[in-house]
């Protein structure tokens, strides 16, 4: 068996704050799905509490915000996201 085909340990506590039609949401979704990362999508267009949390984490509301544990990423930043994945 090839080691590269072994399943990865899932990353826990991954939240993605964005509306479904946000510019970078689809890229973030595909990025995580391709790597087997489970994440929770918190739609900011349909839930005011999600929008408030997004603003408190990042100070803005115009870009996708990714929360991994205590780390916050604004926008689709594949190199930065990859650096925290196992």
C-alpha atoms as a PDB file:
ATOM      1  CA  UNK A   1       0.000   0.000   0.000  1.00  0.00           C
ATOM      2  CA  UNK A   2       1.247   3.465  -0.873  1.00  0.00           C
ATOM      3  CA  UNK A   3       1.665   5.708   2.161  1.00  0.00           C
ATOM      4  CA  UNK A   4       0.456   8.660   0.111  1.00  0.00           C
ATOM      5  CA  UNK A   5      -2.959   6.979  -0.176  1.00  0.00           C
ATOM      6  CA  UNK A   6      -3.383   6.583   3.584  1.00  0.00           C
ATOM      7  CA  UNK A   7      -6.235   8.595   5.057  1.00  0.00           C
ATOM      8  CA  UNK A   8      -5.235  11.698   6.926  1.00  0.00           C
ATOM      9  CA  UNK A   9      -6.256  12.516  10.455  1.00  0.00           C
ATOM     10  CA  UNK A  10      -9.254  14.812  10.259  1.00  0.00           C
ATOM     11  CA  UNK A  11      -8.717  18.384  11.364  1.00  0.00           C
ATOM     12  CA  UNK A  12     -11.229  19.409  13.998  1.00  0.00           C
ATOM     13  CA  UNK A  13     -12.729  22.804  14.646  1.00  0.00           C
ATOM     14  CA  UNK A  14     -12.701  24.135  11.080  1.00  0.00           C
ATOM     15  CA  UNK A  15     -15.345  26.786  10.437  1.00  0.00           C
ATOM     16  CA  UNK A  16     -15.907  28.660   7.186  1.00  0.00           C
ATOM     17  CA  UNK A  17     -17.874  31.905   7.449  1.00  0.00           C
ATOM     18  CA  UNK A  18     -19.280  32.965   4.087  1.00  0.00           C
ATOM     19  CA  UNK A  19     -22.395  33.184   2.005  1.00  0.00           C
ATOM     20  CA  UNK A  20     -22.811  30.326  -0.467  1.00  0.00           C
ATOM     21  CA  UNK A  21     -22.205  32.693  -3.359  1.00  0.00           C
ATOM     22  CA  UNK A  22     -19.163  34.455  -1.878  1.00  0.00           C
ATOM     23  CA  UNK A  23     -16.291  34.896  -4.296  1.00  0.00           C
ATOM     24  CA  UNK A  24     -13.868  32.510  -2.575  1.00  0.00           C
ATOM     25  CA  UNK A  25     -16.251  30.114  -0.824  1.00  0.00           C
ATOM     26  CA  UNK A  26     -16.242  27.550  -3.634  1.00  0.00           C
ATOM     27  CA  UNK A  27     -12.426  27.518  -3.758  1.00  0.00           C
ATOM     28  CA  UNK A  28     -12.194  27.045   0.021  1.00  0.00           C
ATOM     29  CA  UNK A  29     -14.797  24.265  -0.109  1.00  0.00           C
ATOM     30  CA  UNK A  30     -12.967  22.405  -2.886  1.00  0.00           C
ATOM     31  CA  UNK A  31      -9.591  22.921  -1.168  1.00  0.00           C
ATOM     32  CA  UNK A  32     -10.842  21.283   2.039  1.00  0.00           C
ATOM     33  CA  UNK A  33     -12.812  18.529   0.304  1.00  0.00           C
ATOM     34  CA  UNK A  34      -9.769  17.564  -1.809  1.00  0.00           C
ATOM     35  CA  UNK A  35      -7.754  17.182   1.395  1.00  0.00           C
ATOM     36  CA  UNK A  36     -10.411  15.307   3.355  1.00  0.00           C
ATOM     37  CA  UNK A  37     -10.868  18.154   5.820  1.00  0.00           C
ATOM     38  CA  UNK A  38     -14.285  18.309   7.421  1.00  0.00           C
ATOM     39  CA  UNK A  39     -15.526  21.818   7.971  1.00  0.00           C
ATOM     40  CA  UNK A  40     -18.637  23.577   9.115  1.00  0.00           C
ATOM     41  CA  UNK A  41     -20.101  26.155   6.736  1.00  0.00           C
ATOM     42  CA  UNK A  42     -21.611  29.055   8.671  1.00  0.00           C
ATOM     43  CA  UNK A  43     -23.720  31.006   6.187  1.00  0.00           C
ATOM     44  CA  UNK A  44     -23.483  34.726   6.950  1.00  0.00           C
ATOM     45  CA  UNK A  45     -26.215  35.680   4.480  1.00  0.00           C
ATOM     46  CA  UNK A  46     -28.852  33.573   6.195  1.00  0.00           C
ATOM     47  CA  UNK A  47     -27.838  33.980   9.843  1.00  0.00           C
ATOM     48  CA  UNK A  48     -27.104  37.298  11.567  1.00  0.00           C
ATOM     49  CA  UNK A  49     -25.298  35.554  14.441  1.00  0.00           C
ATOM     50  CA  UNK A  50     -22.851  33.988  11.967  1.00  0.00           C
ATOM     51  CA  UNK A  51     -22.236  37.409  10.406  1.00  0.00           C
ATOM     52  CA  UNK A  52     -21.621  38.972  13.829  1.00  0.00           C
ATOM     53  CA  UNK A  53     -19.151  36.200  14.726  1.00  0.00           C
ATOM     54  CA  UNK A  54     -17.363  36.645  11.377  1.00  0.00           C
ATOM     55  CA  UNK A  55     -17.014  40.388  12.033  1.00  0.00           C
ATOM     56  CA  UNK A  56     -15.719  39.798  15.554  1.00  0.00           C
ATOM     57  CA  UNK A  57     -13.105  37.320  14.305  1.00  0.00           C
ATOM     58  CA  UNK A  58     -11.823  39.292  11.336  1.00  0.00           C
ATOM     59  CA  UNK A  59     -13.091  42.857  11.552  1.00  0.00           C
ATOM     60  CA  UNK A  60     -14.682  42.605   8.118  1.00  0.00           C
ATOM     61  CA  UNK A  61     -17.536  40.993   6.244  1.00  0.00           C
ATOM     62  CA  UNK A  62     -16.538  41.079   2.578  1.00  0.00           C
ATOM     63  CA  UNK A  63     -14.345  37.984   2.293  1.00  0.00           C
ATOM     64  CA  UNK A  64     -14.506  34.362   3.329  1.00  0.00           C
ATOM     65  CA  UNK A  65     -13.207  33.858   6.861  1.00  0.00           C
ATOM     66  CA  UNK A  66     -11.743  30.491   7.873  1.00  0.00           C
ATOM     67  CA  UNK A  67     -11.326  29.609  11.533  1.00  0.00           C
ATOM     68  CA  UNK A  68      -9.082  26.654  12.360  1.00  0.00           C
ATOM     69  CA  UNK A  69      -8.784  26.321  16.097  1.00  0.00           C
ATOM     70  CA  UNK A  70      -7.535  29.732  17.213  1.00  0.00           C
ATOM     71  CA  UNK A  71      -6.137  30.718  13.803  1.00  0.00           C
ATOM     72  CA  UNK A  72      -8.097  33.055  11.522  1.00  0.00           C
ATOM     73  CA  UNK A  73      -7.619  33.306   7.746  1.00  0.00           C
ATOM     74  CA  UNK A  74      -9.275  35.980   5.614  1.00  0.00           C
ATOM     75  CA  UNK A  75      -9.959  35.107   1.991  1.00  0.00           C
ATOM     76  CA  UNK A  76      -8.737  32.039   0.155  1.00  0.00           C
ATOM     77  CA  UNK A  77      -5.102  31.635   1.185  1.00  0.00           C
ATOM     78  CA  UNK A  78      -4.140  28.090   0.110  1.00  0.00           C
ATOM     79  CA  UNK A  79      -0.484  28.276   1.220  1.00  0.00           C
ATOM     80  CA  UNK A  80      -1.434  29.524   4.672  1.00  0.00           C
ATOM     81  CA  UNK A  81      -4.264  27.015   5.026  1.00  0.00           C
ATOM     82  CA  UNK A  82      -2.003  24.143   3.919  1.00  0.00           C
ATOM     83  CA  UNK A  83       0.572  25.139   6.543  1.00  0.00           C
ATOM     84  CA  UNK A  84      -1.812  24.261   9.397  1.00  0.00           C
ATOM     85  CA  UNK A  85      -3.089  20.982   7.971  1.00  0.00           C
ATOM     86  CA  UNK A  86      -1.565  17.633   9.017  1.00  0.00           C
END
